[in-house]
């Protein structure tokens, strides 16, 4: 009985951790833009939310350095810079990042 209760409690406690996206679980490192529609681009914004101005559009395959991630509303936003142009910095949705 104790084993069953412990297993259930452990599953409930650890369950949300398994649903965390890679960018949230390991925020620092190189990530690749992935999952953007072929005729669209991931928008790098000046701040963590859709209300901020768009700095640049990033196609699939663009490599970014992720510094940190934070939640704004229902979206996790990551502070990033381009691998090939480190001075170009902004925020992107973590939903479109894949760990390299």
PDB file of N, CA and C in Angstrom:
ATOM      1  N   UNK A   1       0.821  -1.195   0.000  1.00  0.00           N
ATOM      2  CA  UNK A   1       0.000   0.000   0.000  1.00  0.00           C
ATOM      3  C   UNK A   1       0.864   1.257   0.000  1.00  0.00           C
ATOM      4  N   UNK A   2       1.885   1.285   0.892  1.00  0.00           N
ATOM      5  CA  UNK A   2       2.768   2.450   0.937  1.00  0.00           C
ATOM      6  C   UNK A   2       3.488   2.648  -0.394  1.00  0.00           C
ATOM      7  N   UNK A   3       3.893   1.536  -1.003  1.00  0.00           N
ATOM      8  CA  UNK A   3       4.606   1.607  -2.282  1.00  0.00           C
ATOM      9  C   UNK A   3       3.703   2.221  -3.358  1.00  0.00           C
ATOM     10  N   UNK A   4       2.446   1.840  -3.376  1.00  0.00           N
ATOM     11  CA  UNK A   4       1.487   2.368  -4.350  1.00  0.00           C
ATOM     12  C   UNK A   4       1.273   3.861  -4.134  1.00  0.00           C
ATOM     13  N   UNK A   5       1.113   4.267  -2.880  1.00  0.00           N
ATOM     14  CA  UNK A   5       0.921   5.685  -2.573  1.00  0.00           C
ATOM     15  C   UNK A   5       2.159   6.480  -2.969  1.00  0.00           C
ATOM     16  N   UNK A   6       3.358   5.969  -2.649  1.00  0.00           N
ATOM     17  CA  UNK A   6       4.598   6.653  -3.005  1.00  0.00           C
ATOM     18  C   UNK A   6       4.736   6.778  -4.525  1.00  0.00           C
ATOM     19  N   UNK A   7       4.444   5.700  -5.250  1.00  0.00           N
ATOM     20  CA  UNK A   7       4.545   5.717  -6.711  1.00  0.00           C
ATOM     21  C   UNK A   7       3.600   6.737  -7.315  1.00  0.00           C
ATOM     22  N   UNK A   8       2.387   6.787  -6.778  1.00  0.00           N
ATOM     23  CA  UNK A   8       1.395   7.744  -7.281  1.00  0.00           C
ATOM     24  C   UNK A   8       1.847   9.172  -7.004  1.00  0.00           C
ATOM     25  N   UNK A   9       2.334   9.434  -5.786  1.00  0.00           N
ATOM     26  CA  UNK A   9       2.811  10.774  -5.434  1.00  0.00           C
ATOM     27  C   UNK A   9       4.010  11.169  -6.292  1.00  0.00           C
ATOM     28  N   UNK A  10       4.917  10.242  -6.516  1.00  0.00           N
ATOM     29  CA  UNK A  10       6.096  10.524  -7.339  1.00  0.00           C
ATOM     30  C   UNK A  10       5.685  10.843  -8.771  1.00  0.00           C
ATOM     31  N   UNK A  11       4.741  10.088  -9.296  1.00  0.00           N
ATOM     32  CA  UNK A  11       4.278  10.329 -10.669  1.00  0.00           C
ATOM     33  C   UNK A  11       3.623  11.701 -10.793  1.00  0.00           C
ATOM     34  N   UNK A  12       2.834  12.076  -9.786  1.00  0.00           N
ATOM     35  CA  UNK A  12       2.183  13.386  -9.816  1.00  0.00           C
ATOM     36  C   UNK A  12       3.197  14.515  -9.691  1.00  0.00           C
ATOM     37  N   UNK A  13       4.204  14.313  -8.864  1.00  0.00           N
ATOM     38  CA  UNK A  13       5.222  15.349  -8.667  1.00  0.00           C
ATOM     39  C   UNK A  13       6.145  15.482  -9.869  1.00  0.00           C
ATOM     40  N   UNK A  14       6.506  14.375 -10.496  1.00  0.00           N
ATOM     41  CA  UNK A  14       7.444  14.395 -11.612  1.00  0.00           C
ATOM     42  C   UNK A  14       6.766  14.556 -12.961  1.00  0.00           C
ATOM     43  N   UNK A  15       5.476  14.320 -13.039  1.00  0.00           N
ATOM     44  CA  UNK A  15       4.747  14.417 -14.301  1.00  0.00           C
ATOM     45  C   UNK A  15       4.929  15.731 -15.014  1.00  0.00           C
ATOM     46  N   UNK A  16       4.745  16.880 -14.316  1.00  0.00           N
ATOM     47  CA  UNK A  16       4.915  18.164 -15.000  1.00  0.00           C
ATOM     48  C   UNK A  16       6.328  18.377 -15.539  1.00  0.00           C
ATOM     49  N   UNK A  17       7.326  17.777 -14.933  1.00  0.00           N
ATOM     50  CA  UNK A  17       8.700  17.945 -15.415  1.00  0.00           C
ATOM     51  C   UNK A  17       8.902  17.301 -16.771  1.00  0.00           C
ATOM     52  N   UNK A  18       8.220  16.210 -17.030  1.00  0.00           N
ATOM     53  CA  UNK A  18       8.382  15.538 -18.317  1.00  0.00           C
ATOM     54  C   UNK A  18       7.723  16.309 -19.450  1.00  0.00           C
ATOM     55  N   UNK A  19       6.822  17.239 -19.133  1.00  0.00           N
ATOM     56  CA  UNK A  19       6.137  18.026 -20.154  1.00  0.00           C
ATOM     57  C   UNK A  19       6.886  19.310 -20.493  1.00  0.00           C
ATOM     58  N   UNK A  20       8.001  19.573 -19.830  1.00  0.00           N
ATOM     59  CA  UNK A  20       8.767  20.788 -20.060  1.00  0.00           C
ATOM     60  C   UNK A  20       9.488  20.678 -21.392  1.00  0.00           C
ATOM     61  N   UNK A  21       9.420  21.735 -22.190  1.00  0.00           N
ATOM     62  CA  UNK A  21      10.095  21.717 -23.487  1.00  0.00           C
ATOM     63  C   UNK A  21      11.605  21.800 -23.273  1.00  0.00           C
ATOM     64  N   UNK A  22      12.410  21.377 -24.261  1.00  0.00           N
ATOM     65  CA  UNK A  22      13.864  21.396 -24.114  1.00  0.00           C
ATOM     66  C   UNK A  22      14.417  22.772 -23.766  1.00  0.00           C
ATOM     67  N   UNK A  23      13.853  23.803 -24.338  1.00  0.00           N
ATOM     68  CA  UNK A  23      14.373  25.137 -24.064  1.00  0.00           C
ATOM     69  C   UNK A  23      14.133  25.545 -22.615  1.00  0.00           C
ATOM     70  N   UNK A  24      13.085  25.035 -21.987  1.00  0.00           N
ATOM     71  CA  UNK A  24      12.819  25.350 -20.594  1.00  0.00           C
ATOM     72  C   UNK A  24      13.690  24.503 -19.681  1.00  0.00           C
ATOM     73  N   UNK A  25      13.911  23.253 -20.041  1.00  0.00           N
ATOM     74  CA  UNK A  25      14.649  22.339 -19.181  1.00  0.00           C
ATOM     75  C   UNK A  25      16.140  22.684 -19.154  1.00  0.00           C
ATOM     76  N   UNK A  26      16.693  23.044 -20.287  1.00  0.00           N
ATOM     77  CA  UNK A  26      18.123  23.351 -20.405  1.00  0.00           C
ATOM     78  C   UNK A  26      18.259  24.681 -21.138  1.00  0.00           C
ATOM     79  N   UNK A  27      18.047  25.789 -20.479  1.00  0.00           N
ATOM     80  CA  UNK A  27      17.957  27.045 -21.212  1.00  0.00           C
ATOM     81  C   UNK A  27      19.229  27.506 -21.901  1.00  0.00           C
ATOM     82  N   UNK A  28      20.396  27.220 -21.357  1.00  0.00           N
ATOM     83  CA  UNK A  28      21.613  27.732 -21.991  1.00  0.00           C
ATOM     84  C   UNK A  28      22.142  26.740 -23.018  1.00  0.00           C
ATOM     85  N   UNK A  29      22.585  27.269 -24.138  1.00  0.00           N
ATOM     86  CA  UNK A  29      23.170  26.423 -25.158  1.00  0.00           C
ATOM     87  C   UNK A  29      22.696  26.803 -26.548  1.00  0.00           C
ATOM     88  N   UNK A  30      23.155  26.017 -27.528  1.00  0.00           N
ATOM     89  CA  UNK A  30      22.773  26.261 -28.915  1.00  0.00           C
ATOM     90  C   UNK A  30      21.505  25.495 -29.249  1.00  0.00           C
ATOM     91  N   UNK A  31      20.594  26.189 -29.924  1.00  0.00           N
ATOM     92  CA  UNK A  31      19.333  25.622 -30.372  1.00  0.00           C
ATOM     93  C   UNK A  31      19.137  25.993 -31.831  1.00  0.00           C
ATOM     94  N   UNK A  32      18.343  25.181 -32.508  1.00  0.00           N
ATOM     95  CA  UNK A  32      18.034  25.419 -33.912  1.00  0.00           C
ATOM     96  C   UNK A  32      16.558  25.757 -34.027  1.00  0.00           C
ATOM     97  N   UNK A  33      16.239  26.739 -34.872  1.00  0.00           N
ATOM     98  CA  UNK A  33      14.848  27.068 -35.149  1.00  0.00           C
ATOM     99  C   UNK A  33      14.245  25.895 -35.907  1.00  0.00           C
ATOM    100  N   UNK A  34      13.090  25.411 -35.434  1.00  0.00           N
ATOM    101  CA  UNK A  34      12.463  24.224 -36.021  1.00  0.00           C
ATOM    102  C   UNK A  34      10.947  24.319 -35.892  1.00  0.00           C
ATOM    103  N   UNK A  35      10.241  23.803 -36.876  1.00  0.00           N
ATOM    104  CA  UNK A  35       8.784  23.730 -36.805  1.00  0.00           C
ATOM    105  C   UNK A  35       8.042  24.927 -37.353  1.00  0.00           C
ATOM    106  N   UNK A  36       8.754  25.875 -37.951  1.00  0.00           N
ATOM    107  CA  UNK A  36       8.113  27.037 -38.549  1.00  0.00           C
ATOM    108  C   UNK A  36       7.593  26.629 -39.928  1.00  0.00           C
ATOM    109  N   UNK A  37       6.409  27.073 -40.276  1.00  0.00           N
ATOM    110  CA  UNK A  37       5.840  26.756 -41.592  1.00  0.00           C
ATOM    111  C   UNK A  37       6.802  27.202 -42.697  1.00  0.00           C
ATOM    112  N   UNK A  38       6.802  26.480 -43.808  1.00  0.00           N
ATOM    113  CA  UNK A  38       7.745  26.728 -44.909  1.00  0.00           C
ATOM    114  C   UNK A  38       7.660  28.161 -45.450  1.00  0.00           C
ATOM    115  N   UNK A  39       6.480  28.737 -45.441  1.00  0.00           N
ATOM    116  CA  UNK A  39       6.307  30.089 -45.989  1.00  0.00           C
ATOM    117  C   UNK A  39       6.310  31.163 -44.895  1.00  0.00           C
ATOM    118  N   UNK A  40       6.831  30.846 -43.722  1.00  0.00           N
ATOM    119  CA  UNK A  40       6.835  31.784 -42.606  1.00  0.00           C
ATOM    120  C   UNK A  40       8.212  31.811 -41.944  1.00  0.00           C
ATOM    121  N   UNK A  41       8.385  32.676 -40.965  1.00  0.00           N
ATOM    122  CA  UNK A  41       9.628  32.768 -40.199  1.00  0.00           C
ATOM    123  C   UNK A  41       9.290  32.971 -38.730  1.00  0.00           C
ATOM    124  N   UNK A  42      10.185  32.513 -37.861  1.00  0.00           N
ATOM    125  CA  UNK A  42      10.055  32.754 -36.433  1.00  0.00           C
ATOM    126  C   UNK A  42      10.458  34.197 -36.178  1.00  0.00           C
ATOM    127  N   UNK A  43       9.615  34.930 -35.489  1.00  0.00           N
ATOM    128  CA  UNK A  43       9.892  36.339 -35.238  1.00  0.00           C
ATOM    129  C   UNK A  43      10.719  36.523 -33.968  1.00  0.00           C
ATOM    130  N   UNK A  44      11.888  37.134 -34.115  1.00  0.00           N
ATOM    131  CA  UNK A  44      12.688  37.532 -32.955  1.00  0.00           C
ATOM    132  C   UNK A  44      12.181  38.912 -32.564  1.00  0.00           C
ATOM    133  N   UNK A  45      11.790  39.045 -31.292  1.00  0.00           N
ATOM    134  CA  UNK A  45      11.181  40.280 -30.814  1.00  0.00           C
ATOM    135  C   UNK A  45      12.071  41.000 -29.811  1.00  0.00           C
ATOM    136  N   UNK A  46      11.774  42.264 -29.584  1.00  0.00           N
ATOM    137  CA  UNK A  46      12.549  43.098 -28.666  1.00  0.00           C
ATOM    138  C   UNK A  46      12.294  42.745 -27.203  1.00  0.00           C
ATOM    139  N   UNK A  47      11.226  42.038 -26.916  1.00  0.00           N
ATOM    140  CA  UNK A  47      10.894  41.646 -25.549  1.00  0.00           C
ATOM    141  C   UNK A  47      10.113  40.354 -25.544  1.00  0.00           C
ATOM    142  N   UNK A  48       9.840  39.820 -24.365  1.00  0.00           N
ATOM    143  CA  UNK A  48       9.168  38.517 -24.244  1.00  0.00           C
ATOM    144  C   UNK A  48       7.650  38.589 -24.378  1.00  0.00           C
ATOM    145  N   UNK A  49       7.160  38.782 -25.600  1.00  0.00           N
ATOM    146  CA  UNK A  49       5.726  38.810 -25.847  1.00  0.00           C
ATOM    147  C   UNK A  49       5.425  39.323 -27.240  1.00  0.00           C
ATOM    148  N   UNK A  50       4.212  39.056 -27.710  1.00  0.00           N
ATOM    149  CA  UNK A  50       3.839  39.472 -29.066  1.00  0.00           C
ATOM    150  C   UNK A  50       3.618  40.976 -29.178  1.00  0.00           C
ATOM    151  N   UNK A  51       3.536  41.681 -28.073  1.00  0.00           N
ATOM    152  CA  UNK A  51       3.371  43.129 -28.100  1.00  0.00           C
ATOM    153  C   UNK A  51       4.653  43.889 -28.391  1.00  0.00           C
ATOM    154  N   UNK A  52       5.780  43.203 -28.415  1.00  0.00           N
ATOM    155  CA  UNK A  52       7.059  43.853 -28.692  1.00  0.00           C
ATOM    156  C   UNK A  52       7.345  43.857 -30.189  1.00  0.00           C
ATOM    157  N   UNK A  53       8.140  44.837 -30.624  1.00  0.00           N
ATOM    158  CA  UNK A  53       8.423  44.962 -32.059  1.00  0.00           C
ATOM    159  C   UNK A  53       9.251  43.770 -32.561  1.00  0.00           C
ATOM    160  N   UNK A  54       9.053  43.440 -33.812  1.00  0.00           N
ATOM    161  CA  UNK A  54       9.807  42.360 -34.457  1.00  0.00           C
ATOM    162  C   UNK A  54      11.154  42.908 -34.901  1.00  0.00           C
ATOM    163  N   UNK A  55      12.222  42.219 -34.517  1.00  0.00           N
ATOM    164  CA  UNK A  55      13.581  42.617 -34.893  1.00  0.00           C
ATOM    165  C   UNK A  55      13.956  41.995 -36.228  1.00  0.00           C
ATOM    166  N   UNK A  56      13.700  40.681 -36.358  1.00  0.00           N
ATOM    167  CA  UNK A  56      14.065  39.966 -37.578  1.00  0.00           C
ATOM    168  C   UNK A  56      13.267  38.665 -37.642  1.00  0.00           C
ATOM    169  N   UNK A  57      13.056  38.156 -38.847  1.00  0.00           N
ATOM    170  CA  UNK A  57      12.433  36.848 -39.043  1.00  0.00           C
ATOM    171  C   UNK A  57      13.507  35.793 -39.230  1.00  0.00           C
ATOM    172  N   UNK A  58      13.322  34.631 -38.606  1.00  0.00           N
ATOM    173  CA  UNK A  58      14.322  33.560 -38.647  1.00  0.00           C
ATOM    174  C   UNK A  58      13.731  32.304 -39.285  1.00  0.00           C
ATOM    175  N   UNK A  59      14.334  31.808 -40.362  1.00  0.00           N
ATOM    176  CA  UNK A  59      13.834  30.578 -40.982  1.00  0.00           C
ATOM    177  C   UNK A  59      14.276  29.341 -40.201  1.00  0.00           C
ATOM    178  N   UNK A  60      13.632  28.209 -40.485  1.00  0.00           N
ATOM    179  CA  UNK A  60      14.062  26.931 -39.910  1.00  0.00           C
ATOM    180  C   UNK A  60      15.543  26.727 -40.194  1.00  0.00           C
ATOM    181  N   UNK A  61      16.253  26.151 -39.222  1.00  0.00           N
ATOM    182  CA  UNK A  61      17.673  25.881 -39.395  1.00  0.00           C
ATOM    183  C   UNK A  61      18.585  26.955 -38.838  1.00  0.00           C
ATOM    184  N   UNK A  62      18.043  28.128 -38.511  1.00  0.00           N
ATOM    185  CA  UNK A  62      18.856  29.193 -37.925  1.00  0.00           C
ATOM    186  C   UNK A  62      19.348  28.747 -36.555  1.00  0.00           C
ATOM    187  N   UNK A  63      20.637  28.916 -36.289  1.00  0.00           N
ATOM    188  CA  UNK A  63      21.219  28.502 -35.004  1.00  0.00           C
ATOM    189  C   UNK A  63      21.269  29.710 -34.072  1.00  0.00           C
ATOM    190  N   UNK A  64      20.754  29.500 -32.862  1.00  0.00           N
ATOM    191  CA  UNK A  64      20.684  30.554 -31.854  1.00  0.00           C
ATOM    192  C   UNK A  64      21.371  30.115 -30.570  1.00  0.00           C
ATOM    193  N   UNK A  65      21.933  31.067 -29.834  1.00  0.00           N
ATOM    194  CA  UNK A  65      22.445  30.824 -28.491  1.00  0.00           C
ATOM    195  C   UNK A  65      21.352  31.270 -27.531  1.00  0.00           C
ATOM    196  N   UNK A  66      20.844  30.339 -26.719  1.00  0.00           N
ATOM    197  CA  UNK A  66      19.813  30.649 -25.739  1.00  0.00           C
ATOM    198  C   UNK A  66      20.489  30.988 -24.419  1.00  0.00           C
ATOM    199  N   UNK A  67      20.188  32.183 -23.911  1.00  0.00           N
ATOM    200  CA  UNK A  67      20.762  32.637 -22.643  1.00  0.00           C
ATOM    201  C   UNK A  67      19.876  32.242 -21.464  1.00  0.00           C
ATOM    202  N   UNK A  68      18.567  32.434 -21.611  1.00  0.00           N
ATOM    203  CA  UNK A  68      17.626  32.127 -20.544  1.00  0.00           C
ATOM    204  C   UNK A  68      16.224  32.098 -21.127  1.00  0.00           C
ATOM    205  N   UNK A  69      15.288  31.530 -20.366  1.00  0.00           N
ATOM    206  CA  UNK A  69      13.888  31.478 -20.784  1.00  0.00           C
ATOM    207  C   UNK A  69      13.010  31.931 -19.625  1.00  0.00           C
ATOM    208  N   UNK A  70      11.885  32.533 -19.963  1.00  0.00           N
ATOM    209  CA  UNK A  70      10.926  32.983 -18.963  1.00  0.00           C
ATOM    210  C   UNK A  70       9.525  32.844 -19.522  1.00  0.00           C
ATOM    211  N   UNK A  71       8.562  32.729 -18.633  1.00  0.00           N
ATOM    212  CA  UNK A  71       7.168  32.598 -19.047  1.00  0.00           C
ATOM    213  C   UNK A  71       6.520  33.971 -19.036  1.00  0.00           C
ATOM    214  N   UNK A  72       5.814  34.279 -20.117  1.00  0.00           N
ATOM    215  CA  UNK A  72       5.013  35.500 -20.222  1.00  0.00           C
ATOM    216  C   UNK A  72       3.649  35.066 -20.729  1.00  0.00           C
ATOM    217  N   UNK A  73       2.673  35.082 -19.862  1.00  0.00           N
ATOM    218  CA  UNK A  73       1.371  34.552 -20.222  1.00  0.00           C
ATOM    219  C   UNK A  73       1.458  33.050 -20.343  1.00  0.00           C
ATOM    220  N   UNK A  74       0.949  32.507 -21.424  1.00  0.00           N
ATOM    221  CA  UNK A  74       0.981  31.056 -21.618  1.00  0.00           C
ATOM    222  C   UNK A  74       2.164  30.600 -22.471  1.00  0.00           C
ATOM    223  N   UNK A  75       3.045  31.529 -22.844  1.00  0.00           N
ATOM    224  CA  UNK A  75       4.173  31.209 -23.723  1.00  0.00           C
ATOM    225  C   UNK A  75       5.490  31.337 -22.978  1.00  0.00           C
ATOM    226  N   UNK A  76       6.394  30.414 -23.253  1.00  0.00           N
ATOM    227  CA  UNK A  76       7.753  30.500 -22.737  1.00  0.00           C
ATOM    228  C   UNK A  76       8.601  31.214 -23.789  1.00  0.00           C
ATOM    229  N   UNK A  77       9.231  32.316 -23.382  1.00  0.00           N
ATOM    230  CA  UNK A  77      10.065  33.115 -24.274  1.00  0.00           C
ATOM    231  C   UNK A  77      11.515  32.969 -23.875  1.00  0.00           C
ATOM    232  N   UNK A  78      12.387  32.810 -24.864  1.00  0.00           N
ATOM    233  CA  UNK A  78      13.814  32.657 -24.597  1.00  0.00           C
ATOM    234  C   UNK A  78      14.577  33.866 -25.119  1.00  0.00           C
ATOM    235  N   UNK A  79      15.489  34.349 -24.287  1.00  0.00           N
ATOM    236  CA  UNK A  79      16.391  35.425 -24.688  1.00  0.00           C
ATOM    237  C   UNK A  79      17.517  34.786 -25.485  1.00  0.00           C
ATOM    238  N   UNK A  80      17.687  35.224 -26.731  1.00  0.00           N
ATOM    239  CA  UNK A  80      18.622  34.571 -27.650  1.00  0.00           C
ATOM    240  C   UNK A  80      19.501  35.584 -28.378  1.00  0.00           C
ATOM    241  N   UNK A  81      20.555  35.045 -28.975  1.00  0.00           N
ATOM    242  CA  UNK A  81      21.360  35.797 -29.929  1.00  0.00           C
ATOM    243  C   UNK A  81      21.698  34.844 -31.069  1.00  0.00           C
ATOM    244  N   UNK A  82      21.922  35.404 -32.238  1.00  0.00           N
ATOM    245  CA  UNK A  82      22.295  34.585 -33.391  1.00  0.00           C
ATOM    246  C   UNK A  82      23.708  34.071 -33.227  1.00  0.00           C
ATOM    247  N   UNK A  83      23.945  32.824 -33.607  1.00  0.00           N
ATOM    248  CA  UNK A  83      25.292  32.248 -33.502  1.00  0.00           C
ATOM    249  C   UNK A  83      26.270  33.018 -34.380  1.00  0.00           C
ATOM    250  N   UNK A  84      25.860  33.366 -35.576  1.00  0.00           N
ATOM    251  CA  UNK A  84      26.747  34.026 -36.535  1.00  0.00           C
ATOM    252  C   UNK A  84      26.794  35.542 -36.362  1.00  0.00           C
ATOM    253  N   UNK A  85      25.923  36.104 -35.534  1.00  0.00           N
ATOM    254  CA  UNK A  85      25.889  37.562 -35.299  1.00  0.00           C
ATOM    255  C   UNK A  85      25.470  37.773 -33.848  1.00  0.00           C
ATOM    256  N   UNK A  86      26.395  37.524 -32.917  1.00  0.00           N
ATOM    257  CA  UNK A  86      26.076  37.529 -31.482  1.00  0.00           C
ATOM    258  C   UNK A  86      25.513  38.861 -30.990  1.00  0.00           C
ATOM    259  N   UNK A  87      25.783  39.949 -31.706  1.00  0.00           N
ATOM    260  CA  UNK A  87      25.275  41.254 -31.292  1.00  0.00           C
ATOM    261  C   UNK A  87      23.773  41.389 -31.551  1.00  0.00           C
ATOM    262  N   UNK A  88      23.214  40.549 -32.418  1.00  0.00           N
ATOM    263  CA  UNK A  88      21.792  40.583 -32.714  1.00  0.00           C
ATOM    264  C   UNK A  88      21.065  39.744 -31.671  1.00  0.00           C
ATOM    265  N   UNK A  89      20.364  40.417 -30.736  1.00  0.00           N
ATOM    266  CA  UNK A  89      19.731  39.752 -29.604  1.00  0.00           C
ATOM    267  C   UNK A  89      18.248  40.068 -29.555  1.00  0.00           C
ATOM    268  N   UNK A  90      17.485  39.135 -28.984  1.00  0.00           N
ATOM    269  CA  UNK A  90      16.057  39.346 -28.829  1.00  0.00           C
ATOM    270  C   UNK A  90      15.418  38.154 -28.152  1.00  0.00           C
ATOM    271  N   UNK A  91      14.106  38.022 -28.311  1.00  0.00           N
ATOM    272  CA  UNK A  91      13.329  36.952 -27.687  1.00  0.00           C
ATOM    273  C   UNK A  91      12.554  36.184 -28.746  1.00  0.00           C
ATOM    274  N   UNK A  92      12.499  34.859 -28.567  1.00  0.00           N
ATOM    275  CA  UNK A  92      11.703  34.005 -29.443  1.00  0.00           C
ATOM    276  C   UNK A  92      10.908  33.032 -28.586  1.00  0.00           C
ATOM    277  N   UNK A  93       9.835  32.502 -29.141  1.00  0.00           N
ATOM    278  CA  UNK A  93       9.049  31.483 -28.449  1.00  0.00           C
ATOM    279  C   UNK A  93       9.834  30.179 -28.400  1.00  0.00           C
ATOM    280  N   UNK A  94       9.879  29.565 -27.214  1.00  0.00           N
ATOM    281  CA  UNK A  94      10.620  28.308 -27.063  1.00  0.00           C
ATOM    282  C   UNK A  94       9.966  27.156 -27.806  1.00  0.00           C
ATOM    283  N   UNK A  95       8.719  27.308 -28.220  1.00  0.00           N
ATOM    284  CA  UNK A  95       8.015  26.237 -28.933  1.00  0.00           C
ATOM    285  C   UNK A  95       8.678  25.905 -30.263  1.00  0.00           C
ATOM    286  N   UNK A  96       9.487  26.827 -30.790  1.00  0.00           N
ATOM    287  CA  UNK A  96      10.117  26.620 -32.089  1.00  0.00           C
ATOM    288  C   UNK A  96      11.631  26.399 -31.976  1.00  0.00           C
ATOM    289  N   UNK A  97      12.091  25.961 -30.821  1.00  0.00           N
ATOM    290  CA  UNK A  97      13.519  25.710 -30.640  1.00  0.00           C
ATOM    291  C   UNK A  97      13.775  24.241 -30.383  1.00  0.00           C
ATOM    292  N   UNK A  98      14.839  23.719 -30.996  1.00  0.00           N
ATOM    293  CA  UNK A  98      15.248  22.336 -30.811  1.00  0.00           C
ATOM    294  C   UNK A  98      16.719  22.316 -30.397  1.00  0.00           C
ATOM    295  N   UNK A  99      17.010  21.631 -29.289  1.00  0.00           N
ATOM    296  CA  UNK A  99      18.373  21.553 -28.765  1.00  0.00           C
ATOM    297  C   UNK A  99      19.283  20.877 -29.776  1.00  0.00           C
ATOM    298  N   UNK A 100      20.473  21.427 -29.960  1.00  0.00           N
ATOM    299  CA  UNK A 100      21.442  20.854 -30.896  1.00  0.00           C
ATOM    300  C   UNK A 100      22.372  19.917 -30.162  1.00  0.00           C
TER     301      UNK A 100
END
